[in-house]
C-alpha atoms as a PDB file:
ATOM      1  CA  UNK A   1     -62.744 -43.548   9.397  1.00  0.00           C
ATOM      2  CA  UNK A   2     -59.567 -42.399   7.726  1.00  0.00           C
ATOM      3  CA  UNK A   3     -58.856 -38.715   7.342  1.00  0.00           C
ATOM      4  CA  UNK A   4     -59.181 -38.881   3.553  1.00  0.00           C
ATOM      5  CA  UNK A   5     -62.003 -41.250   2.574  1.00  0.00           C
ATOM      6  CA  UNK A   6     -64.974 -39.127   3.587  1.00  0.00           C
ATOM      7  CA  UNK A   7     -63.526 -35.798   2.319  1.00  0.00           C
ATOM      8  CA  UNK A   8     -62.627 -37.402  -1.009  1.00  0.00           C
ATOM      9  CA  UNK A   9     -66.172 -38.722  -1.413  1.00  0.00           C
ATOM     10  CA  UNK A  10     -67.578 -35.316  -0.449  1.00  0.00           C
ATOM     11  CA  UNK A  11     -65.526 -33.591  -3.149  1.00  0.00           C
ATOM     12  CA  UNK A  12     -66.624 -35.916  -5.957  1.00  0.00           C
ATOM     13  CA  UNK A  13     -68.155 -33.512  -8.500  1.00  0.00           C
ATOM     14  CA  UNK A  14     -71.035 -35.743  -9.643  1.00  0.00           C
ATOM     15  CA  UNK A  15     -73.787 -37.523  -7.742  1.00  0.00           C
ATOM     16  CA  UNK A  16     -72.852 -40.861  -6.170  1.00  0.00           C
ATOM     17  CA  UNK A  17     -75.708 -43.355  -6.197  1.00  0.00           C
ATOM     18  CA  UNK A  18     -74.664 -44.886  -2.897  1.00  0.00           C
ATOM     19  CA  UNK A  19     -75.030 -43.930   0.735  1.00  0.00           C
ATOM     20  CA  UNK A  20     -71.782 -41.972   1.163  1.00  0.00           C
ATOM     21  CA  UNK A  21     -71.449 -42.772   4.858  1.00  0.00           C
ATOM     22  CA  UNK A  22     -71.872 -46.513   4.242  1.00  0.00           C
ATOM     23  CA  UNK A  23     -69.501 -46.276   1.289  1.00  0.00           C
ATOM     24  CA  UNK A  24     -66.826 -44.484   3.330  1.00  0.00           C
ATOM     25  CA  UNK A  25     -67.254 -46.974   6.164  1.00  0.00           C
ATOM     26  CA  UNK A  26     -66.859 -49.906   3.797  1.00  0.00           C
ATOM     27  CA  UNK A  27     -63.773 -48.486   2.098  1.00  0.00           C
ATOM     28  CA  UNK A  28     -62.112 -47.772   5.434  1.00  0.00           C
ATOM     29  CA  UNK A  29     -63.012 -51.188   6.872  1.00  0.00           C
ATOM     30  CA  UNK A  30     -61.686 -52.916   3.748  1.00  0.00           C
ATOM     31  CA  UNK A  31     -58.401 -51.028   3.887  1.00  0.00           C
ATOM     32  CA  UNK A  32     -58.025 -51.871   7.586  1.00  0.00           C
ATOM     33  CA  UNK A  33     -58.838 -55.511   6.924  1.00  0.00           C
ATOM     34  CA  UNK A  34     -56.338 -55.731   4.074  1.00  0.00           C
ATOM     35  CA  UNK A  35     -53.662 -54.288   6.334  1.00  0.00           C
ATOM     36  CA  UNK A  36     -54.530 -56.656   9.195  1.00  0.00           C
ATOM     37  CA  UNK A  37     -54.529 -59.690   6.898  1.00  0.00           C
ATOM     38  CA  UNK A  38     -51.172 -58.770   5.403  1.00  0.00           C
ATOM     39  CA  UNK A  39     -49.659 -58.273   8.854  1.00  0.00           C
ATOM     40  CA  UNK A  40     -51.212 -61.493  10.141  1.00  0.00           C
ATOM     41  CA  UNK A  41     -49.836 -63.527   7.229  1.00  0.00           C
ATOM     42  CA  UNK A  42     -46.408 -62.058   7.873  1.00  0.00           C
ATOM     43  CA  UNK A  43     -46.644 -62.803  11.593  1.00  0.00           C
ATOM     44  CA  UNK A  44     -47.751 -66.370  10.852  1.00  0.00           C
ATOM     45  CA  UNK A  45     -44.659 -66.789   8.682  1.00  0.00           C
ATOM     46  CA  UNK A  46     -42.560 -65.819  11.702  1.00  0.00           C
ATOM     47  CA  UNK A  47     -44.148 -68.362  14.029  1.00  0.00           C
ATOM     48  CA  UNK A  48     -42.255 -71.537  14.947  1.00  0.00           C
ATOM     49  CA  UNK A  49     -45.044 -73.769  13.659  1.00  0.00           C
ATOM     50  CA  UNK A  50     -45.451 -72.116  10.273  1.00  0.00           C
ATOM     51  CA  UNK A  51     -46.455 -75.384   8.588  1.00  0.00           C
ATOM     52  CA  UNK A  52     -49.554 -75.550  10.814  1.00  0.00           C
ATOM     53  CA  UNK A  53     -50.495 -72.028   9.690  1.00  0.00           C
ATOM     54  CA  UNK A  54     -50.311 -72.595   5.920  1.00  0.00           C
ATOM     55  CA  UNK A  55     -54.074 -72.345   5.402  1.00  0.00           C
ATOM     56  CA  UNK A  56     -54.240 -69.258   7.613  1.00  0.00           C
ATOM     57  CA  UNK A  57     -51.476 -67.571   5.632  1.00  0.00           C
ATOM     58  CA  UNK A  58     -53.152 -68.370   2.305  1.00  0.00           C
ATOM     59  CA  UNK A  59     -56.539 -67.201   3.571  1.00  0.00           C
ATOM     60  CA  UNK A  60     -54.960 -63.987   4.905  1.00  0.00           C
ATOM     61  CA  UNK A  61     -53.293 -63.252   1.580  1.00  0.00           C
ATOM     62  CA  UNK A  62     -56.452 -63.909  -0.430  1.00  0.00           C
ATOM     63  CA  UNK A  63     -58.546 -61.750   1.881  1.00  0.00           C
ATOM     64  CA  UNK A  64     -55.975 -58.934   1.843  1.00  0.00           C
ATOM     65  CA  UNK A  65     -55.954 -58.859  -1.966  1.00  0.00           C
ATOM     66  CA  UNK A  66     -59.732 -59.064  -2.315  1.00  0.00           C
ATOM     67  CA  UNK A  67     -60.318 -56.327   0.276  1.00  0.00           C
ATOM     68  CA  UNK A  68     -57.726 -54.001  -1.268  1.00  0.00           C
ATOM     69  CA  UNK A  69     -59.139 -54.483  -4.762  1.00  0.00           C
ATOM     70  CA  UNK A  70     -62.707 -53.976  -3.586  1.00  0.00           C
ATOM     71  CA  UNK A  71     -61.747 -50.761  -1.759  1.00  0.00           C
ATOM     72  CA  UNK A  72     -60.071 -49.430  -4.908  1.00  0.00           C
ATOM     73  CA  UNK A  73     -63.065 -50.250  -7.105  1.00  0.00           C
ATOM     74  CA  UNK A  74     -65.493 -48.713  -4.595  1.00  0.00           C
ATOM     75  CA  UNK A  75     -63.403 -45.528  -4.636  1.00  0.00           C
ATOM     76  CA  UNK A  76     -64.103 -44.982  -8.346  1.00  0.00           C
ATOM     77  CA  UNK A  77     -67.446 -43.601  -9.509  1.00  0.00           C
ATOM     78  CA  UNK A  78     -67.065 -42.510 -13.114  1.00  0.00           C
ATOM     79  CA  UNK A  79     -69.019 -44.981 -15.228  1.00  0.00           C
ATOM     80  CA  UNK A  80     -70.181 -46.765 -12.053  1.00  0.00           C
ATOM     81  CA  UNK A  81     -71.648 -50.258 -12.499  1.00  0.00           C
ATOM     82  CA  UNK A  82     -73.710 -51.391  -9.514  1.00  0.00           C
ATOM     83  CA  UNK A  83     -73.598 -55.025 -10.660  1.00  0.00           C
ATOM     84  CA  UNK A  84     -69.799 -55.073 -10.446  1.00  0.00           C
ATOM     85  CA  UNK A  85     -69.877 -53.454  -7.008  1.00  0.00           C
ATOM     86  CA  UNK A  86     -72.451 -55.952  -5.754  1.00  0.00           C
ATOM     87  CA  UNK A  87     -70.421 -58.913  -7.018  1.00  0.00           C
ATOM     88  CA  UNK A  88     -67.245 -57.572  -5.436  1.00  0.00           C
ATOM     89  CA  UNK A  89     -68.977 -56.907  -2.123  1.00  0.00           C
ATOM     90  CA  UNK A  90     -70.398 -60.434  -2.070  1.00  0.00           C
ATOM     91  CA  UNK A  91     -66.999 -61.964  -2.869  1.00  0.00           C
ATOM     92  CA  UNK A  92     -65.378 -59.775  -0.259  1.00  0.00           C
ATOM     93  CA  UNK A  93     -67.882 -60.843   2.394  1.00  0.00           C
ATOM     94  CA  UNK A  94     -67.097 -64.493   1.605  1.00  0.00           C
ATOM     95  CA  UNK A  95     -63.334 -63.899   1.804  1.00  0.00           C
ATOM     96  CA  UNK A  96     -63.662 -61.962   5.064  1.00  0.00           C
ATOM     97  CA  UNK A  97     -65.877 -64.636   6.631  1.00  0.00           C
ATOM     98  CA  UNK A  98     -63.469 -67.410   5.602  1.00  0.00           C
ATOM     99  CA  UNK A  99     -60.469 -65.494   6.919  1.00  0.00           C
ATOM    100  CA  UNK A 100     -62.213 -64.605  10.180  1.00  0.00           C
ATOM    101  CA  UNK A 101     -63.140 -68.264  10.676  1.00  0.00           C
ATOM    102  CA  UNK A 102     -59.601 -69.465   9.944  1.00  0.00           C
ATOM    103  CA  UNK A 103     -57.928 -66.828  12.108  1.00  0.00           C
ATOM    104  CA  UNK A 104     -60.485 -67.545  14.803  1.00  0.00           C
ATOM    105  CA  UNK A 105     -59.153 -71.114  15.000  1.00  0.00           C
ATOM    106  CA  UNK A 106     -55.759 -69.711  16.005  1.00  0.00           C
ATOM    107  CA  UNK A 107     -56.916 -66.716  18.055  1.00  0.00           C
ATOM    108  CA  UNK A 108     -56.313 -68.356  21.434  1.00  0.00           C
ATOM    109  CA  UNK A 109     -52.695 -69.056  20.512  1.00  0.00           C
ATOM    110  CA  UNK A 110     -51.808 -66.093  18.308  1.00  0.00           C
ATOM    111  CA  UNK A 111     -52.915 -62.560  19.192  1.00  0.00           C
ATOM    112  CA  UNK A 112     -52.322 -61.419  15.614  1.00  0.00           C
ATOM    113  CA  UNK A 113     -54.930 -63.929  14.452  1.00  0.00           C
ATOM    114  CA  UNK A 114     -57.435 -62.600  17.005  1.00  0.00           C
ATOM    115  CA  UNK A 115     -56.900 -59.033  15.795  1.00  0.00           C
ATOM    116  CA  UNK A 116     -57.177 -60.116  12.176  1.00  0.00           C
ATOM    117  CA  UNK A 117     -60.382 -62.068  12.793  1.00  0.00           C
ATOM    118  CA  UNK A 118     -61.928 -58.956  14.339  1.00  0.00           C
ATOM    119  CA  UNK A 119     -60.890 -56.781  11.378  1.00  0.00           C
ATOM    120  CA  UNK A 120     -62.334 -59.351   8.973  1.00  0.00           C
ATOM    121  CA  UNK A 121     -65.685 -59.423  10.798  1.00  0.00           C
ATOM    122  CA  UNK A 122     -65.817 -55.611  10.766  1.00  0.00           C
ATOM    123  CA  UNK A 123     -65.097 -55.534   7.022  1.00  0.00           C
ATOM    124  CA  UNK A 124     -67.684 -58.233   6.373  1.00  0.00           C
ATOM    125  CA  UNK A 125     -70.262 -56.210   8.318  1.00  0.00           C
ATOM    126  CA  UNK A 126     -69.372 -52.974   6.477  1.00  0.00           C
ATOM    127  CA  UNK A 127     -69.718 -54.739   3.110  1.00  0.00           C
ATOM    128  CA  UNK A 128     -73.093 -56.120   4.150  1.00  0.00           C
ATOM    129  CA  UNK A 129     -74.264 -52.673   5.267  1.00  0.00           C
ATOM    130  CA  UNK A 130     -73.241 -51.130   1.949  1.00  0.00           C
ATOM    131  CA  UNK A 131     -74.769 -53.977  -0.032  1.00  0.00           C
ATOM    132  CA  UNK A 132     -78.032 -53.646   1.928  1.00  0.00           C
ATOM    133  CA  UNK A 133     -78.111 -49.907   1.183  1.00  0.00           C
ATOM    134  CA  UNK A 134     -77.832 -50.706  -2.550  1.00  0.00           C
ATOM    135  CA  UNK A 135     -81.036 -52.805  -2.649  1.00  0.00           C
END
């Protein structure tokens, strides 16, 4: 967990209708996943066989954007809409699963893809945990 996510949630002056620990875990996992996906896409662009990694790069970039956006939305609670959060979490789980699968295809050859696939699976799991706590 980052040094700021949990304390920021603890200082929110109104009630938060979510499990704060699951929420903090999801935000942190999404930020880590976004970072890993961005770094993986960049590393793929530096590989000699970049043309073979086109789908991986695209999937990384999509996942990075979706995770970052979801983390930002989950960090806001004024006027909270659970339906929006649920939809974002579901989309994020799909993006993370797709990226983990794609990076997994290259994990034996590229260590950055292995690391990224792991971060994607952790983010997917954190989203699922938060989504389950919302039901």
